[in-house]
Each structure stands twice: as structure tokens, then as C-alpha cells.
Amino acid sequence: MDGELAILSRGLAGEGLSGEPPSLPRVPILSGMLADVRTLHVKPKKGRLKDLGRIEVLLESLIRRMPPEA
């Protein structure tokens, strides 16, 4: 999960592997991604396994919405 978060973070920051301009999702897609992140409910102090499952599902959803060249 840590590696997937790093890839997503670099992609959203516009850091590609090549020197080409960043390829980000369109604004409606980015807005939806942000809304999904904001609606995630976890209890970080408890460190519950089901919270990790929710985070993993969200992360997979966010990565699927990134352009393939990002």
C-alpha cells in the first residue's frame, strides 16, 4: 500500500518519470477523487484492520482514475 500511495502522490504532484509535462485527470475526476478521500471514515488511534481495508479500497479506486501515462 505504501508504494501505491507514493505512486499516486507523485502522479498528482505532476512528477512523471520522463521530462514530459504531467498528465493529470480532468477537474471533474479530481473533484470526485477528493470527495472520496473526504468521505473516508477511519479511526486512526484504534488502528483497526477494517480501516486499513477501507484505505486500500480507496487507494485502488484513486489509482484506477489516474491517466495511464501519469
N, C-alpha and C. Protein backbone atom coordinates (compact mmCIF):
# COMPACT_ATOMS: atom_id res chain seq x y z
N MET A 1 0.83 -1.17 0.00
CA MET A 1 0.00 0.00 0.00
C MET A 1 0.88 1.25 0.00
N ASP A 2 2.00 1.19 0.68
CA ASP A 2 2.90 2.34 0.76
C ASP A 2 3.42 2.73 -0.62
N GLY A 3 3.78 1.73 -1.42
CA GLY A 3 4.27 2.00 -2.78
C GLY A 3 3.19 2.61 -3.65
N GLU A 4 1.96 2.11 -3.52
CA GLU A 4 0.85 2.65 -4.31
C GLU A 4 0.57 4.10 -3.92
N LEU A 5 0.65 4.40 -2.62
CA LEU A 5 0.48 5.78 -2.17
C LEU A 5 1.56 6.69 -2.75
N ALA A 6 2.78 6.21 -2.79
CA ALA A 6 3.89 7.00 -3.33
C ALA A 6 3.68 7.27 -4.82
N ILE A 7 3.25 6.26 -5.57
CA ILE A 7 3.00 6.43 -7.00
C ILE A 7 1.88 7.44 -7.22
N LEU A 8 0.80 7.30 -6.48
CA LEU A 8 -0.33 8.22 -6.61
C LEU A 8 0.09 9.64 -6.25
N SER A 9 0.83 9.79 -5.19
CA SER A 9 1.29 11.10 -4.75
C SER A 9 2.18 11.77 -5.80
N ARG A 10 3.12 11.01 -6.35
CA ARG A 10 4.00 11.57 -7.39
C ARG A 10 3.20 11.95 -8.63
N GLY A 11 2.24 11.12 -9.01
CA GLY A 11 1.41 11.40 -10.17
C GLY A 11 0.58 12.66 -9.99
N LEU A 12 -0.02 12.82 -8.82
CA LEU A 12 -0.83 14.00 -8.56
C LEU A 12 0.01 15.25 -8.40
N ALA A 13 1.26 15.08 -7.99
CA ALA A 13 2.17 16.22 -7.88
C ALA A 13 2.76 16.60 -9.23
N GLY A 14 2.49 15.78 -10.25
CA GLY A 14 2.99 16.08 -11.59
C GLY A 14 4.41 15.61 -11.81
N GLU A 15 4.88 14.71 -11.00
CA GLU A 15 6.24 14.20 -11.14
C GLU A 15 6.21 12.92 -11.96
N GLY A 16 6.45 13.04 -13.25
CA GLY A 16 6.48 11.87 -14.11
C GLY A 16 7.88 11.30 -14.18
N LEU A 17 8.00 10.13 -14.78
CA LEU A 17 9.30 9.51 -14.93
C LEU A 17 10.09 10.15 -16.06
N SER A 18 9.38 10.69 -17.04
CA SER A 18 10.06 11.35 -18.15
C SER A 18 10.01 12.85 -17.94
N GLY A 19 10.63 13.57 -18.83
CA GLY A 19 10.65 15.02 -18.72
C GLY A 19 9.44 15.68 -19.35
N GLU A 20 8.43 14.91 -19.70
CA GLU A 20 7.24 15.45 -20.33
C GLU A 20 6.35 16.13 -19.30
N PRO A 21 5.46 17.01 -19.77
CA PRO A 21 4.53 17.66 -18.85
C PRO A 21 3.64 16.63 -18.14
N PRO A 22 3.21 16.92 -16.92
CA PRO A 22 2.38 15.97 -16.18
C PRO A 22 1.04 15.73 -16.86
N SER A 23 0.54 14.54 -16.71
CA SER A 23 -0.77 14.16 -17.24
C SER A 23 -1.67 13.85 -16.06
N LEU A 24 -2.50 14.82 -15.71
CA LEU A 24 -3.39 14.67 -14.56
C LEU A 24 -4.81 14.40 -15.03
N PRO A 25 -5.63 13.80 -14.16
CA PRO A 25 -7.04 13.63 -14.50
C PRO A 25 -7.72 14.99 -14.67
N ARG A 26 -8.81 15.00 -15.42
CA ARG A 26 -9.56 16.24 -15.60
C ARG A 26 -10.18 16.66 -14.27
N VAL A 27 -10.57 17.94 -14.20
CA VAL A 27 -11.09 18.53 -12.97
C VAL A 27 -12.26 17.75 -12.37
N PRO A 28 -13.25 17.32 -13.15
CA PRO A 28 -14.35 16.56 -12.52
C PRO A 28 -13.87 15.26 -11.87
N ILE A 29 -12.89 14.62 -12.48
CA ILE A 29 -12.36 13.37 -11.91
C ILE A 29 -11.59 13.68 -10.63
N LEU A 30 -10.76 14.73 -10.67
CA LEU A 30 -10.02 15.12 -9.46
C LEU A 30 -10.97 15.51 -8.34
N SER A 31 -12.05 16.21 -8.67
CA SER A 31 -13.05 16.59 -7.65
C SER A 31 -13.68 15.35 -7.03
N GLY A 32 -13.99 14.36 -7.85
CA GLY A 32 -14.54 13.11 -7.34
C GLY A 32 -13.56 12.38 -6.45
N MET A 33 -12.29 12.38 -6.86
CA MET A 33 -11.26 11.73 -6.05
C MET A 33 -11.16 12.40 -4.69
N LEU A 34 -11.17 13.73 -4.67
CA LEU A 34 -11.09 14.48 -3.41
C LEU A 34 -12.31 14.20 -2.54
N ALA A 35 -13.49 14.14 -3.16
CA ALA A 35 -14.71 13.85 -2.39
C ALA A 35 -14.63 12.47 -1.76
N ASP A 36 -14.10 11.50 -2.50
CA ASP A 36 -13.96 10.14 -1.95
C ASP A 36 -13.00 10.13 -0.76
N VAL A 37 -11.92 10.87 -0.86
CA VAL A 37 -10.95 10.94 0.25
C VAL A 37 -11.61 11.57 1.47
N ARG A 38 -12.37 12.63 1.23
CA ARG A 38 -13.01 13.34 2.36
C ARG A 38 -14.08 12.49 3.05
N THR A 39 -14.71 11.57 2.32
CA THR A 39 -15.77 10.77 2.92
C THR A 39 -15.25 9.50 3.61
N LEU A 40 -13.96 9.25 3.51
CA LEU A 40 -13.39 8.07 4.16
C LEU A 40 -13.44 8.26 5.67
N HIS A 41 -14.02 7.32 6.36
CA HIS A 41 -14.13 7.39 7.83
C HIS A 41 -13.26 6.30 8.44
N VAL A 42 -12.24 6.72 9.15
CA VAL A 42 -11.37 5.78 9.85
C VAL A 42 -11.14 6.30 11.26
N LYS A 43 -10.69 5.42 12.12
CA LYS A 43 -10.34 5.79 13.48
C LYS A 43 -8.86 5.49 13.66
N PRO A 44 -7.99 6.46 13.30
CA PRO A 44 -6.55 6.20 13.28
C PRO A 44 -5.97 5.81 14.64
N LYS A 45 -6.54 6.26 15.71
CA LYS A 45 -5.98 5.93 17.02
C LYS A 45 -6.21 4.47 17.38
N LYS A 46 -7.23 3.86 16.79
CA LYS A 46 -7.51 2.46 17.08
C LYS A 46 -6.71 1.52 16.19
N GLY A 47 -6.29 1.98 15.01
CA GLY A 47 -5.50 1.14 14.12
C GLY A 47 -6.23 -0.12 13.70
N ARG A 48 -7.51 0.01 13.39
CA ARG A 48 -8.32 -1.16 13.09
C ARG A 48 -8.02 -1.71 11.69
N LEU A 49 -8.06 -3.02 11.59
CA LEU A 49 -7.78 -3.69 10.33
C LEU A 49 -8.80 -3.33 9.26
N LYS A 50 -10.06 -3.17 9.66
CA LYS A 50 -11.06 -2.83 8.65
C LYS A 50 -10.85 -1.41 8.11
N ASP A 51 -10.24 -0.52 8.91
CA ASP A 51 -9.89 0.80 8.40
C ASP A 51 -8.82 0.68 7.32
N LEU A 52 -7.86 -0.20 7.53
CA LEU A 52 -6.84 -0.42 6.50
C LEU A 52 -7.47 -0.96 5.22
N GLY A 53 -8.47 -1.79 5.36
CA GLY A 53 -9.18 -2.31 4.19
C GLY A 53 -9.88 -1.19 3.43
N ARG A 54 -10.49 -0.28 4.17
CA ARG A 54 -11.16 0.86 3.53
C ARG A 54 -10.16 1.74 2.80
N ILE A 55 -9.02 1.96 3.42
CA ILE A 55 -7.98 2.77 2.80
C ILE A 55 -7.46 2.10 1.53
N GLU A 56 -7.28 0.80 1.59
CA GLU A 56 -6.80 0.06 0.42
C GLU A 56 -7.79 0.14 -0.74
N VAL A 57 -9.07 -0.01 -0.45
CA VAL A 57 -10.10 0.08 -1.49
C VAL A 57 -10.11 1.48 -2.10
N LEU A 58 -10.02 2.51 -1.25
CA LEU A 58 -9.99 3.89 -1.74
C LEU A 58 -8.77 4.12 -2.62
N LEU A 59 -7.63 3.65 -2.18
CA LEU A 59 -6.39 3.83 -2.93
C LEU A 59 -6.48 3.18 -4.30
N GLU A 60 -7.01 1.98 -4.36
CA GLU A 60 -7.18 1.29 -5.65
C GLU A 60 -8.10 2.08 -6.56
N SER A 61 -9.17 2.64 -6.00
CA SER A 61 -10.11 3.44 -6.77
C SER A 61 -9.44 4.69 -7.32
N LEU A 62 -8.65 5.34 -6.50
CA LEU A 62 -7.96 6.56 -6.93
C LEU A 62 -6.96 6.26 -8.03
N ILE A 63 -6.22 5.19 -7.89
CA ILE A 63 -5.21 4.83 -8.88
C ILE A 63 -5.87 4.50 -10.22
N ARG A 64 -7.01 3.82 -10.19
CA ARG A 64 -7.72 3.48 -11.44
C ARG A 64 -8.15 4.74 -12.20
N ARG A 65 -8.38 5.82 -11.48
CA ARG A 65 -8.84 7.05 -12.14
C ARG A 65 -7.71 7.92 -12.67
N MET A 66 -6.48 7.55 -12.36
CA MET A 66 -5.33 8.31 -12.88
C MET A 66 -5.12 7.94 -14.36
N PRO A 67 -4.72 8.91 -15.18
CA PRO A 67 -4.41 8.58 -16.57
C PRO A 67 -3.27 7.57 -16.64
N PRO A 68 -3.29 6.68 -17.62
CA PRO A 68 -2.26 5.64 -17.69
C PRO A 68 -0.84 6.18 -17.84
N GLU A 69 -0.71 7.35 -18.44
CA GLU A 69 0.63 7.90 -18.66
C GLU A 69 1.13 8.73 -17.47
N ALA A 70 0.32 8.83 -16.40
CA ALA A 70 0.73 9.63 -15.24
C ALA A 70 1.75 8.89 -14.40
